[in-house]
mmCIF file of all heavy atoms, coordinates in Angstrom:
data_MODEL
# 
_entry.id   MODEL 
# 
loop_
_atom_site.group_PDB 
_atom_site.id 
_atom_site.type_symbol 
_atom_site.label_atom_id 
_atom_site.label_alt_id 
_atom_site.label_comp_id 
_atom_site.label_asym_id 
_atom_site.label_entity_id 
_atom_site.label_seq_id 
_atom_site.pdbx_PDB_ins_code 
_atom_site.Cartn_x 
_atom_site.Cartn_y 
_atom_site.Cartn_z 
_atom_site.occupancy 
_atom_site.B_iso_or_equiv 
_atom_site.pdbx_formal_charge 
_atom_site.auth_seq_id 
_atom_site.auth_comp_id 
_atom_site.auth_asym_id 
_atom_site.auth_atom_id 
_atom_site.pdbx_PDB_model_num 
ATOM 1   N N   . TYR A 1 1  ? -45.846 -9.186  -78.040 1.00 0.00 ? 1  TYR A N   1 
ATOM 2   C CA  . TYR A 1 1  ? -45.217 -10.404 -77.522 1.00 0.00 ? 1  TYR A CA  1 
ATOM 3   C C   . TYR A 1 1  ? -44.494 -11.120 -78.654 1.00 0.00 ? 1  TYR A C   1 
ATOM 4   O O   . TYR A 1 1  ? -44.886 -11.040 -79.827 1.00 0.00 ? 1  TYR A O   1 
ATOM 5   C CB  . TYR A 1 1  ? -46.233 -11.320 -76.841 1.00 0.00 ? 1  TYR A CB  1 
ATOM 6   C CG  . TYR A 1 1  ? -47.552 -11.507 -77.546 1.00 0.00 ? 1  TYR A CG  1 
ATOM 7   C CD1 . TYR A 1 1  ? -47.842 -12.644 -78.291 1.00 0.00 ? 1  TYR A CD1 1 
ATOM 8   C CD2 . TYR A 1 1  ? -48.556 -10.542 -77.427 1.00 0.00 ? 1  TYR A CD2 1 
ATOM 9   C CE1 . TYR A 1 1  ? -49.056 -12.820 -78.912 1.00 0.00 ? 1  TYR A CE1 1 
ATOM 10  C CE2 . TYR A 1 1  ? -49.781 -10.704 -78.045 1.00 0.00 ? 1  TYR A CE2 1 
ATOM 11  C CZ  . TYR A 1 1  ? -50.029 -11.844 -78.788 1.00 0.00 ? 1  TYR A CZ  1 
ATOM 12  O OH  . TYR A 1 1  ? -51.253 -12.015 -79.404 1.00 0.00 ? 1  TYR A OH  1 
ATOM 13  N N   . GLN A 1 2  ? -43.409 -11.806 -78.287 1.00 0.00 ? 2  GLN A N   1 
ATOM 14  C CA  . GLN A 1 2  ? -42.620 -12.535 -79.282 1.00 0.00 ? 2  GLN A CA  1 
ATOM 15  C C   . GLN A 1 2  ? -42.027 -13.781 -78.644 1.00 0.00 ? 2  GLN A C   1 
ATOM 16  O O   . GLN A 1 2  ? -41.866 -13.870 -77.422 1.00 0.00 ? 2  GLN A O   1 
ATOM 17  C CB  . GLN A 1 2  ? -41.508 -11.662 -79.856 1.00 0.00 ? 2  GLN A CB  1 
ATOM 18  C CG  . GLN A 1 2  ? -40.399 -11.315 -78.892 1.00 0.00 ? 2  GLN A CG  1 
ATOM 19  C CD  . GLN A 1 2  ? -39.311 -10.437 -79.518 1.00 0.00 ? 2  GLN A CD  1 
ATOM 20  O OE1 . GLN A 1 2  ? -39.586 -9.572  -80.342 1.00 0.00 ? 2  GLN A OE1 1 
ATOM 21  N NE2 . GLN A 1 2  ? -38.073 -10.654 -79.119 1.00 0.00 ? 2  GLN A NE2 1 
ATOM 22  N N   . VAL A 1 3  ? -41.722 -14.744 -79.502 1.00 0.00 ? 3  VAL A N   1 
ATOM 23  C CA  . VAL A 1 3  ? -40.919 -15.892 -79.079 1.00 0.00 ? 3  VAL A CA  1 
ATOM 24  C C   . VAL A 1 3  ? -39.681 -15.963 -79.952 1.00 0.00 ? 3  VAL A C   1 
ATOM 25  O O   . VAL A 1 3  ? -39.743 -15.710 -81.159 1.00 0.00 ? 3  VAL A O   1 
ATOM 26  C CB  . VAL A 1 3  ? -41.677 -17.239 -79.155 1.00 0.00 ? 3  VAL A CB  1 
ATOM 27  C CG1 . VAL A 1 3  ? -42.646 -17.398 -78.011 1.00 0.00 ? 3  VAL A CG1 1 
ATOM 28  C CG2 . VAL A 1 3  ? -42.367 -17.421 -80.486 1.00 0.00 ? 3  VAL A CG2 1 
ATOM 29  N N   . THR A 1 4  ? -38.556 -16.272 -79.324 1.00 0.00 ? 4  THR A N   1 
ATOM 30  C CA  . THR A 1 4  ? -37.325 -16.532 -80.064 1.00 0.00 ? 4  THR A CA  1 
ATOM 31  C C   . THR A 1 4  ? -36.942 -17.986 -79.851 1.00 0.00 ? 4  THR A C   1 
ATOM 32  O O   . THR A 1 4  ? -37.392 -18.623 -78.896 1.00 0.00 ? 4  THR A O   1 
ATOM 33  C CB  . THR A 1 4  ? -36.197 -15.596 -79.607 1.00 0.00 ? 4  THR A CB  1 
ATOM 34  O OG1 . THR A 1 4  ? -35.948 -15.798 -78.208 1.00 0.00 ? 4  THR A OG1 1 
ATOM 35  C CG2 . THR A 1 4  ? -36.590 -14.145 -79.837 1.00 0.00 ? 4  THR A CG2 1 
ATOM 36  N N   . ARG A 1 5  ? -36.106 -18.513 -80.729 1.00 0.00 ? 5  ARG A N   1 
ATOM 37  C CA  . ARG A 1 5  ? -35.908 -19.953 -80.765 1.00 0.00 ? 5  ARG A CA  1 
ATOM 38  C C   . ARG A 1 5  ? -35.177 -20.504 -79.545 1.00 0.00 ? 5  ARG A C   1 
ATOM 39  O O   . ARG A 1 5  ? -35.042 -21.710 -79.383 1.00 0.00 ? 5  ARG A O   1 
ATOM 40  C CB  . ARG A 1 5  ? -35.169 -20.338 -82.050 1.00 0.00 ? 5  ARG A CB  1 
ATOM 41  C CG  . ARG A 1 5  ? -35.362 -21.806 -82.425 1.00 0.00 ? 5  ARG A CG  1 
ATOM 42  C CD  . ARG A 1 5  ? -34.634 -22.158 -83.707 1.00 0.00 ? 5  ARG A CD  1 
ATOM 43  N NE  . ARG A 1 5  ? -35.132 -21.432 -84.857 1.00 0.00 ? 5  ARG A NE  1 
ATOM 44  C CZ  . ARG A 1 5  ? -36.186 -21.807 -85.585 1.00 0.00 ? 5  ARG A CZ  1 
ATOM 45  N NH1 . ARG A 1 5  ? -36.852 -22.893 -85.260 1.00 0.00 ? 5  ARG A NH1 1 
ATOM 46  N NH2 . ARG A 1 5  ? -36.573 -21.093 -86.611 1.00 0.00 ? 5  ARG A NH2 1 
ATOM 47  N N   . GLY A 1 6  ? -34.712 -19.663 -78.665 1.00 0.00 ? 6  GLY A N   1 
ATOM 48  C CA  . GLY A 1 6  ? -34.048 -20.126 -77.451 1.00 0.00 ? 6  GLY A CA  1 
ATOM 49  C C   . GLY A 1 6  ? -32.652 -19.553 -77.334 1.00 0.00 ? 6  GLY A C   1 
ATOM 50  O O   . GLY A 1 6  ? -32.294 -18.590 -78.028 1.00 0.00 ? 6  GLY A O   1 
ATOM 51  N N   . ASP A 1 7  ? -31.875 -20.111 -76.444 1.00 0.00 ? 7  ASP A N   1 
ATOM 52  C CA  . ASP A 1 7  ? -30.498 -19.675 -76.207 1.00 0.00 ? 7  ASP A CA  1 
ATOM 53  C C   . ASP A 1 7  ? -29.516 -20.676 -76.799 1.00 0.00 ? 7  ASP A C   1 
ATOM 54  O O   . ASP A 1 7  ? -29.819 -21.859 -76.922 1.00 0.00 ? 7  ASP A O   1 
ATOM 55  C CB  . ASP A 1 7  ? -30.206 -19.570 -74.711 1.00 0.00 ? 7  ASP A CB  1 
ATOM 56  C CG  . ASP A 1 7  ? -31.061 -18.536 -74.015 1.00 0.00 ? 7  ASP A CG  1 
ATOM 57  O OD1 . ASP A 1 7  ? -31.639 -17.687 -74.715 1.00 0.00 ? 7  ASP A OD1 1 
ATOM 58  O OD2 . ASP A 1 7  ? -31.145 -18.584 -72.780 1.00 0.00 ? 7  ASP A OD2 1 
ATOM 59  N N   . GLY A 1 8  ? -28.326 -20.185 -77.100 1.00 0.00 ? 8  GLY A N   1 
ATOM 60  C CA  . GLY A 1 8  ? -27.261 -21.084 -77.530 1.00 0.00 ? 8  GLY A CA  1 
ATOM 61  C C   . GLY A 1 8  ? -26.131 -20.324 -78.178 1.00 0.00 ? 8  GLY A C   1 
ATOM 62  O O   . GLY A 1 8  ? -26.315 -19.177 -78.617 1.00 0.00 ? 8  GLY A O   1 
ATOM 63  N N   . PRO A 1 9  ? -24.930 -20.918 -78.230 1.00 0.00 ? 9  PRO A N   1 
ATOM 64  C CA  . PRO A 1 9  ? -23.819 -20.289 -78.945 1.00 0.00 ? 9  PRO A CA  1 
ATOM 65  C C   . PRO A 1 9  ? -24.227 -20.013 -80.392 1.00 0.00 ? 9  PRO A C   1 
ATOM 66  O O   . PRO A 1 9  ? -25.079 -20.698 -80.951 1.00 0.00 ? 9  PRO A O   1 
ATOM 67  C CB  . PRO A 1 9  ? -22.709 -21.343 -78.863 1.00 0.00 ? 9  PRO A CB  1 
ATOM 68  C CG  . PRO A 1 9  ? -23.082 -22.204 -77.709 1.00 0.00 ? 9  PRO A CG  1 
ATOM 69  C CD  . PRO A 1 9  ? -24.572 -22.231 -77.676 1.00 0.00 ? 9  PRO A CD  1 
ATOM 70  N N   . ARG A 1 10 ? -23.597 -19.030 -80.994 1.00 0.00 ? 10 ARG A N   1 
ATOM 71  C CA  . ARG A 1 10 ? -23.979 -18.645 -82.347 1.00 0.00 ? 10 ARG A CA  1 
ATOM 72  C C   . ARG A 1 10 ? -23.722 -19.790 -83.322 1.00 0.00 ? 10 ARG A C   1 
ATOM 73  O O   . ARG A 1 10 ? -22.574 -20.164 -83.592 1.00 0.00 ? 10 ARG A O   1 
ATOM 74  C CB  . ARG A 1 10 ? -23.227 -17.397 -82.802 1.00 0.00 ? 10 ARG A CB  1 
ATOM 75  C CG  . ARG A 1 10 ? -23.766 -16.828 -84.116 1.00 0.00 ? 10 ARG A CG  1 
ATOM 76  C CD  . ARG A 1 10 ? -22.982 -15.617 -84.592 1.00 0.00 ? 10 ARG A CD  1 
ATOM 77  N NE  . ARG A 1 10 ? -23.621 -15.002 -85.739 1.00 0.00 ? 10 ARG A NE  1 
ATOM 78  C CZ  . ARG A 1 10 ? -23.524 -15.462 -86.995 1.00 0.00 ? 10 ARG A CZ  1 
ATOM 79  N NH1 . ARG A 1 10 ? -22.805 -16.555 -87.247 1.00 0.00 ? 10 ARG A NH1 1 
ATOM 80  N NH2 . ARG A 1 10 ? -24.150 -14.856 -87.983 1.00 0.00 ? 10 ARG A NH2 1 
ATOM 81  N N   . ALA A 1 11 ? -24.804 -20.348 -83.852 1.00 0.00 ? 11 ALA A N   1 
ATOM 82  C CA  . ALA A 1 11 ? -24.751 -21.417 -84.856 1.00 0.00 ? 11 ALA A CA  1 
ATOM 83  C C   . ALA A 1 11 ? -26.059 -21.372 -85.616 1.00 0.00 ? 11 ALA A C   1 
ATOM 84  O O   . ALA A 1 11 ? -27.121 -21.159 -85.026 1.00 0.00 ? 11 ALA A O   1 
ATOM 85  C CB  . ALA A 1 11 ? -24.555 -22.779 -84.198 1.00 0.00 ? 11 ALA A CB  1 
ATOM 86  N N   . HIS A 1 12 ? -25.985 -21.563 -86.929 1.00 0.00 ? 12 HIS A N   1 
ATOM 87  C CA  . HIS A 1 12 ? -27.193 -21.426 -87.736 1.00 0.00 ? 12 HIS A CA  1 
ATOM 88  C C   . HIS A 1 12 ? -28.210 -22.526 -87.463 1.00 0.00 ? 12 HIS A C   1 
ATOM 89  O O   . HIS A 1 12 ? -29.410 -22.292 -87.561 1.00 0.00 ? 12 HIS A O   1 
ATOM 90  C CB  . HIS A 1 12 ? -26.829 -21.403 -89.222 1.00 0.00 ? 12 HIS A CB  1 
ATOM 91  C CG  . HIS A 1 12 ? -26.201 -20.107 -89.658 1.00 0.00 ? 12 HIS A CG  1 
ATOM 92  N ND1 . HIS A 1 12 ? -24.925 -19.741 -89.297 1.00 0.00 ? 12 HIS A ND1 1 
ATOM 93  C CD2 . HIS A 1 12 ? -26.681 -19.092 -90.417 1.00 0.00 ? 12 HIS A CD2 1 
ATOM 94  C CE1 . HIS A 1 12 ? -24.645 -18.552 -89.822 1.00 0.00 ? 12 HIS A CE1 1 
ATOM 95  N NE2 . HIS A 1 12 ? -25.698 -18.138 -90.506 1.00 0.00 ? 12 HIS A NE2 1 
ATOM 96  N N   . VAL A 1 13 ? -27.764 -23.731 -87.143 1.00 0.00 ? 13 VAL A N   1 
ATOM 97  C CA  . VAL A 1 13 ? -28.704 -24.827 -86.886 1.00 0.00 ? 13 VAL A CA  1 
ATOM 98  C C   . VAL A 1 13 ? -29.423 -24.576 -85.565 1.00 0.00 ? 13 VAL A C   1 
ATOM 99  O O   . VAL A 1 13 ? -28.925 -23.873 -84.685 1.00 0.00 ? 13 VAL A O   1 
ATOM 100 C CB  . VAL A 1 13 ? -27.981 -26.184 -86.857 1.00 0.00 ? 13 VAL A CB  1 
ATOM 101 C CG1 . VAL A 1 13 ? -27.386 -26.501 -88.222 1.00 0.00 ? 13 VAL A CG1 1 
ATOM 102 C CG2 . VAL A 1 13 ? -26.881 -26.209 -85.796 1.00 0.00 ? 13 VAL A CG2 1 
ATOM 103 N N   . PHE A 1 14 ? -30.610 -25.198 -85.435 1.00 0.00 ? 14 PHE A N   1 
ATOM 104 C CA  . PHE A 1 14 ? -31.445 -24.933 -84.268 1.00 0.00 ? 14 PHE A CA  1 
ATOM 105 C C   . PHE A 1 14 ? -30.828 -25.501 -82.993 1.00 0.00 ? 14 PHE A C   1 
ATOM 106 O O   . PHE A 1 14 ? -30.330 -26.634 -82.998 1.00 0.00 ? 14 PHE A O   1 
ATOM 107 C CB  . PHE A 1 14 ? -32.825 -25.597 -84.418 1.00 0.00 ? 14 PHE A CB  1 
ATOM 108 C CG  . PHE A 1 14 ? -33.627 -25.160 -85.603 1.00 0.00 ? 14 PHE A CG  1 
ATOM 109 C CD1 . PHE A 1 14 ? -34.808 -25.819 -85.917 1.00 0.00 ? 14 PHE A CD1 1 
ATOM 110 C CD2 . PHE A 1 14 ? -33.244 -24.098 -86.405 1.00 0.00 ? 14 PHE A CD2 1 
ATOM 111 C CE1 . PHE A 1 14 ? -35.586 -25.440 -86.994 1.00 0.00 ? 14 PHE A CE1 1 
ATOM 112 C CE2 . PHE A 1 14 ? -34.001 -23.699 -87.489 1.00 0.00 ? 14 PHE A CE2 1 
ATOM 113 C CZ  . PHE A 1 14 ? -35.174 -24.380 -87.786 1.00 0.00 ? 14 PHE A CZ  1 
ATOM 114 N N   . PRO A 1 15 ? -30.928 -24.801 -81.867 1.00 0.00 ? 15 PRO A N   1 
ATOM 115 C CA  . PRO A 1 15 ? -30.621 -25.413 -80.569 1.00 0.00 ? 15 PRO A CA  1 
ATOM 116 C C   . PRO A 1 15 ? -31.810 -26.253 -80.116 1.00 0.00 ? 15 PRO A C   1 
ATOM 117 O O   . PRO A 1 15 ? -32.929 -26.090 -80.606 1.00 0.00 ? 15 PRO A O   1 
ATOM 118 C CB  . PRO A 1 15 ? -30.435 -24.203 -79.647 1.00 0.00 ? 15 PRO A CB  1 
ATOM 119 C CG  . PRO A 1 15 ? -31.336 -23.169 -80.239 1.00 0.00 ? 15 PRO A CG  1 
ATOM 120 C CD  . PRO A 1 15 ? -31.303 -23.384 -81.731 1.00 0.00 ? 15 PRO A CD  1 
ATOM 121 N N   . GLU A 1 16 ? -31.594 -27.151 -79.187 1.00 0.00 ? 16 GLU A N   1 
ATOM 122 C CA  . GLU A 1 16 ? -32.690 -27.937 -78.642 1.00 0.00 ? 16 GLU A CA  1 
ATOM 123 C C   . GLU A 1 16 ? -33.431 -27.116 -77.591 1.00 0.00 ? 16 GLU A C   1 
ATOM 124 O O   . GLU A 1 16 ? -32.892 -26.198 -76.991 1.00 0.00 ? 16 GLU A O   1 
ATOM 125 C CB  . GLU A 1 16 ? -32.160 -29.232 -78.010 1.00 0.00 ? 16 GLU A CB  1 
ATOM 126 C CG  . GLU A 1 16 ? -31.536 -30.185 -79.019 1.00 0.00 ? 16 GLU A CG  1 
ATOM 127 C CD  . GLU A 1 16 ? -31.087 -31.487 -78.373 1.00 0.00 ? 16 GLU A CD  1 
ATOM 128 O OE1 . GLU A 1 16 ? -31.294 -31.636 -77.150 1.00 0.00 ? 16 GLU A OE1 1 
ATOM 129 O OE2 . GLU A 1 16 ? -30.539 -32.340 -79.078 1.00 0.00 ? 16 GLU A OE2 1 
ATOM 130 N N   . GLY A 1 17 ? -34.703 -27.462 -77.366 1.00 0.00 ? 17 GLY A N   1 
ATOM 131 C CA  . GLY A 1 17 ? -35.459 -26.802 -76.316 1.00 0.00 ? 17 GLY A CA  1 
ATOM 132 C C   . GLY A 1 17 ? -36.531 -25.875 -76.840 1.00 0.00 ? 17 GLY A C   1 
ATOM 133 O O   . GLY A 1 17 ? -36.627 -25.598 -78.043 1.00 0.00 ? 17 GLY A O   1 
ATOM 134 N N   . LYS A 1 18 ? -37.332 -25.353 -75.907 1.00 0.00 ? 18 LYS A N   1 
ATOM 135 C CA  . LYS A 1 18 ? -38.443 -24.481 -76.258 1.00 0.00 ? 18 LYS A CA  1 
ATOM 136 C C   . LYS A 1 18 ? -37.988 -23.035 -76.406 1.00 0.00 ? 18 LYS A C   1 
ATOM 137 O O   . LYS A 1 18 ? -36.874 -22.677 -76.047 1.00 0.00 ? 18 LYS A O   1 
ATOM 138 C CB  . LYS A 1 18 ? -39.533 -24.606 -75.205 1.00 0.00 ? 18 LYS A CB  1 
ATOM 139 C CG  . LYS A 1 18 ? -40.195 -25.977 -75.162 1.00 0.00 ? 18 LYS A CG  1 
ATOM 140 C CD  . LYS A 1 18 ? -41.352 -26.014 -74.174 1.00 0.00 ? 18 LYS A CD  1 
ATOM 141 C CE  . LYS A 1 18 ? -42.029 -27.379 -74.170 1.00 0.00 ? 18 LYS A CE  1 
ATOM 142 N NZ  . LYS A 1 18 ? -43.167 -27.433 -73.214 1.00 0.00 ? 18 LYS A NZ  1 
ATOM 143 N N   . ALA A 1 19 ? -38.909 -22.239 -76.907 1.00 0.00 ? 19 ALA A N   1 
ATOM 144 C CA  . ALA A 1 19 ? -38.616 -20.842 -77.205 1.00 0.00 ? 19 ALA A CA  1 
ATOM 145 C C   . ALA A 1 19 ? -38.558 -19.992 -75.941 1.00 0.00 ? 19 ALA A C   1 
ATOM 146 O O   . ALA A 1 19 ? -39.061 -20.363 -74.883 1.00 0.00 ? 19 ALA A O   1 
ATOM 147 C CB  . ALA A 1 19 ? -39.677 -20.299 -78.150 1.00 0.00 ? 19 ALA A CB  1 
ATOM 148 N N   . ASN A 1 20 ? -37.948 -18.807 -76.079 1.00 0.00 ? 20 ASN A N   1 
ATOM 149 C CA  . ASN A 1 20 ? -37.994 -17.772 -75.050 1.00 0.00 ? 20 ASN A CA  1 
ATOM 150 C C   . ASN A 1 20 ? -39.181 -16.856 -75.354 1.00 0.00 ? 20 ASN A C   1 
ATOM 151 O O   . ASN A 1 20 ? -39.361 -16.421 -76.489 1.00 0.00 ? 20 ASN A O   1 
ATOM 152 C CB  . ASN A 1 20 ? -36.715 -16.936 -75.050 1.00 0.00 ? 20 ASN A CB  1 
ATOM 153 C CG  . ASN A 1 20 ? -35.500 -17.737 -74.628 1.00 0.00 ? 20 ASN A CG  1 
ATOM 154 O OD1 . ASN A 1 20 ? -35.604 -18.617 -73.766 1.00 0.00 ? 20 ASN A OD1 1 
ATOM 155 N ND2 . ASN A 1 20 ? -34.352 -17.452 -75.223 1.00 0.00 ? 20 ASN A ND2 1 
ATOM 156 N N   . LEU A 1 21 ? -39.962 -16.540 -74.334 1.00 0.00 ? 21 LEU A N   1 
ATOM 157 C CA  . LEU A 1 21 ? -41.140 -15.696 -74.495 1.00 0.00 ? 21 LEU A CA  1 
ATOM 158 C C   . LEU A 1 21 ? -40.871 -14.314 -73.915 1.00 0.00 ? 21 LEU A C   1 
ATOM 159 O O   . LEU A 1 21 ? -40.464 -14.184 -72.765 1.00 0.00 ? 21 LEU A O   1 
ATOM 160 C CB  . LEU A 1 21 ? -42.348 -16.324 -73.794 1.00 0.00 ? 21 LEU A CB  1 
ATOM 161 C CG  . LEU A 1 21 ? -43.645 -15.501 -73.817 1.00 0.00 ? 21 LEU A CG  1 
ATOM 162 C CD1 . LEU A 1 21 ? -44.148 -15.305 -75.238 1.00 0.00 ? 21 LEU A CD1 1 
ATOM 163 C CD2 . LEU A 1 21 ? -44.711 -16.169 -72.950 1.00 0.00 ? 21 LEU A CD2 1 
ATOM 164 N N   . TRP A 1 22 ? -41.094 -13.297 -74.742 1.00 0.00 ? 22 TRP A N   1 
ATOM 165 C CA  . TRP A 1 22 ? -40.978 -11.895 -74.339 1.00 0.00 ? 22 TRP A CA  1 
ATOM 166 C C   . TRP A 1 22 ? -42.357 -11.253 -74.422 1.00 0.00 ? 22 TRP A C   1 
ATOM 167 O O   . TRP A 1 22 ? -43.127 -11.531 -75.342 1.00 0.00 ? 22 TRP A O   1 
ATOM 168 C CB  . TRP A 1 22 ? -40.081 -11.111 -75.290 1.00 0.00 ? 22 TRP A CB  1 
ATOM 169 C CG  . TRP A 1 22 ? -38.757 -11.659 -75.693 1.00 0.00 ? 22 TRP A CG  1 
ATOM 170 C CD1 . TRP A 1 22 ? -38.407 -12.962 -75.923 1.00 0.00 ? 22 TRP A CD1 1 
ATOM 171 C CD2 . TRP A 1 22 ? -37.586 -10.894 -75.977 1.00 0.00 ? 22 TRP A CD2 1 
ATOM 172 N NE1 . TRP A 1 22 ? -37.100 -13.049 -76.324 1.00 0.00 ? 22 TRP A NE1 1 
ATOM 173 C CE2 . TRP A 1 22 ? -36.570 -11.792 -76.368 1.00 0.00 ? 22 TRP A CE2 1 
ATOM 174 C CE3 . TRP A 1 22 ? -37.305 -9.523  -75.942 1.00 0.00 ? 22 TRP A CE3 1 
ATOM 175 C CZ2 . TRP A 1 22 ? -35.293 -11.360 -76.716 1.00 0.00 ? 22 TRP A CZ2 1 
ATOM 176 C CZ3 . TRP A 1 22 ? -36.031 -9.095  -76.287 1.00 0.00 ? 22 TRP A CZ3 1 
ATOM 177 C CH2 . TRP A 1 22 ? -35.036 -10.005 -76.663 1.00 0.00 ? 22 TRP A CH2 1 
ATOM 178 N N   . VAL A 1 23 ? -42.671 -10.341 -73.503 1.00 0.00 ? 23 VAL A N   1 
ATOM 179 C CA  . VAL A 1 23 ? -43.901 -9.554  -73.566 1.00 0.00 ? 23 VAL A CA  1 
ATOM 180 C C   . VAL A 1 23 ? -43.574 -8.128  -73.144 1.00 0.00 ? 23 VAL A C   1 
ATOM 181 O O   . VAL A 1 23 ? -42.797 -7.919  -72.202 1.00 0.00 ? 23 VAL A O   1 
ATOM 182 C CB  . VAL A 1 23 ? -45.011 -10.117 -72.638 1.00 0.00 ? 23 VAL A CB  1 
ATOM 183 C CG1 . VAL A 1 23 ? -46.305 -9.317  -72.805 1.00 0.00 ? 23 VAL A CG1 1 
ATOM 184 C CG2 . VAL A 1 23 ? -45.262 -11.594 -72.892 1.00 0.00 ? 23 VAL A CG2 1 
ATOM 185 N N   . THR A 1 24 ? -44.157 -7.143  -73.820 1.00 0.00 ? 24 THR A N   1 
ATOM 186 C CA  . THR A 1 24 ? -44.059 -5.756  -73.373 1.00 0.00 ? 24 THR A CA  1 
ATOM 187 C C   . THR A 1 24 ? -45.442 -5.124  -73.402 1.00 0.00 ? 24 THR A C   1 
ATOM 188 O O   . THR A 1 24 ? -46.278 -5.452  -74.259 1.00 0.00 ? 24 THR A O   1 
ATOM 189 C CB  . THR A 1 24 ? -43.102 -4.913  -74.244 1.00 0.00 ? 24 THR A CB  1 
ATOM 190 O OG1 . THR A 1 24 ? -43.619 -4.807  -75.572 1.00 0.00 ? 24 THR A OG1 1 
ATOM 191 C CG2 . THR A 1 24 ? -41.716 -5.534  -74.292 1.00 0.00 ? 24 THR A CG2 1 
ATOM 192 N N   . LEU A 1 25 ? -45.666 -4.213  -72.472 1.00 0.00 ? 25 LEU A N   1 
ATOM 193 C CA  . LEU A 1 25 ? -46.913 -3.459  -72.404 1.00 0.00 ? 25 LEU A CA  1 
ATOM 194 C C   . LEU A 1 25 ? -46.586 -1.997  -72.162 1.00 0.00 ? 25 LEU A C   1 
ATOM 195 O O   . LEU A 1 25 ? -45.843 -1.668  -71.223 1.00 0.00 ? 25 LEU A O   1 
ATOM 196 C CB  . LEU A 1 25 ? -47.796 -3.974  -71.262 1.00 0.00 ? 25 LEU A CB  1 
ATOM 197 C CG  . LEU A 1 25 ? -48.642 -5.223  -71.571 1.00 0.00 ? 25 LEU A CG  1 
ATOM 198 C CD1 . LEU A 1 25 ? -49.036 -5.935  -70.295 1.00 0.00 ? 25 LEU A CD1 1 
ATOM 199 C CD2 . LEU A 1 25 ? -49.881 -4.824  -72.352 1.00 0.00 ? 25 LEU A CD2 1 
ATOM 200 N N   . VAL A 1 26 ? -47.098 -1.118  -73.022 1.00 0.00 ? 26 VAL A N   1 
ATOM 201 C CA  . VAL A 1 26 ? -46.881 0.326   -72.874 1.00 0.00 ? 26 VAL A CA  1 
ATOM 202 C C   . VAL A 1 26 ? -48.223 1.034   -73.081 1.00 0.00 ? 26 VAL A C   1 
ATOM 203 O O   . VAL A 1 26 ? -49.085 0.549   -73.812 1.00 0.00 ? 26 VAL A O   1 
ATOM 204 C CB  . VAL A 1 26 ? -45.840 0.857   -73.879 1.00 0.00 ? 26 VAL A CB  1 
ATOM 205 C CG1 . VAL A 1 26 ? -44.480 0.212   -73.643 1.00 0.00 ? 26 VAL A CG1 1 
ATOM 206 C CG2 . VAL A 1 26 ? -46.296 0.624   -75.318 1.00 0.00 ? 26 VAL A CG2 1 
ATOM 207 N N   . PRO A 1 27 ? -48.426 2.188   -72.449 1.00 0.00 ? 27 PRO A N   1 
ATOM 208 C CA  . PRO A 1 27 ? -49.687 2.911   -72.614 1.00 0.00 ? 27 PRO A CA  1 
ATOM 209 C C   . PRO A 1 27 ? -49.911 3.349   -74.070 1.00 0.00 ? 27 PRO A C   1 
ATOM 210 O O   . PRO A 1 27 ? -49.001 3.815   -74.735 1.00 0.00 ? 27 PRO A O   1 
ATOM 211 C CB  . PRO A 1 27 ? -49.519 4.129   -71.697 1.00 0.00 ? 27 PRO A CB  1 
ATOM 212 C CG  . PRO A 1 27 ? -48.493 3.724   -70.695 1.00 0.00 ? 27 PRO A CG  1 
ATOM 213 C CD  . PRO A 1 27 ? -47.549 2.829   -71.448 1.00 0.00 ? 27 PRO A CD  1 
ATOM 214 N N   . LYS A 1 28 ? -51.136 3.199   -74.531 1.00 0.00 ? 28 LYS A N   1 
ATOM 215 C CA  . LYS A 1 28 ? -51.503 3.675   -75.871 1.00 0.00 ? 28 LYS A CA  1 
ATOM 216 C C   . LYS A 1 28 ? -53.020 3.692   -75.984 1.00 0.00 ? 28 LYS A C   1 
ATOM 217 O O   . LYS A 1 28 ? -53.686 2.757   -75.538 1.00 0.00 ? 28 LYS A O   1 
ATOM 218 C CB  . LYS A 1 28 ? -50.927 2.796   -76.977 1.00 0.00 ? 28 LYS A CB  1 
ATOM 219 C CG  . LYS A 1 28 ? -51.295 3.260   -78.393 1.00 0.00 ? 28 LYS A CG  1 
ATOM 220 C CD  . LYS A 1 28 ? -50.692 2.386   -79.467 1.00 0.00 ? 28 LYS A CD  1 
ATOM 221 C CE  . LYS A 1 28 ? -51.189 2.772   -80.858 1.00 0.00 ? 28 LYS A CE  1 
ATOM 222 N NZ  . LYS A 1 28 ? -50.817 4.155   -81.237 1.00 0.00 ? 28 LYS A NZ  1 
# 
C-alpha cells in the first residue's frame, strides 16, 4: 500500500488536500 500527495498540475510545491491511497494484493 502507498499514499501519494494527491492530484494536481505538475508543480513542485504541494497541492492542497489529502493523499491518494493505493493498495495491491497478489498471491505469495
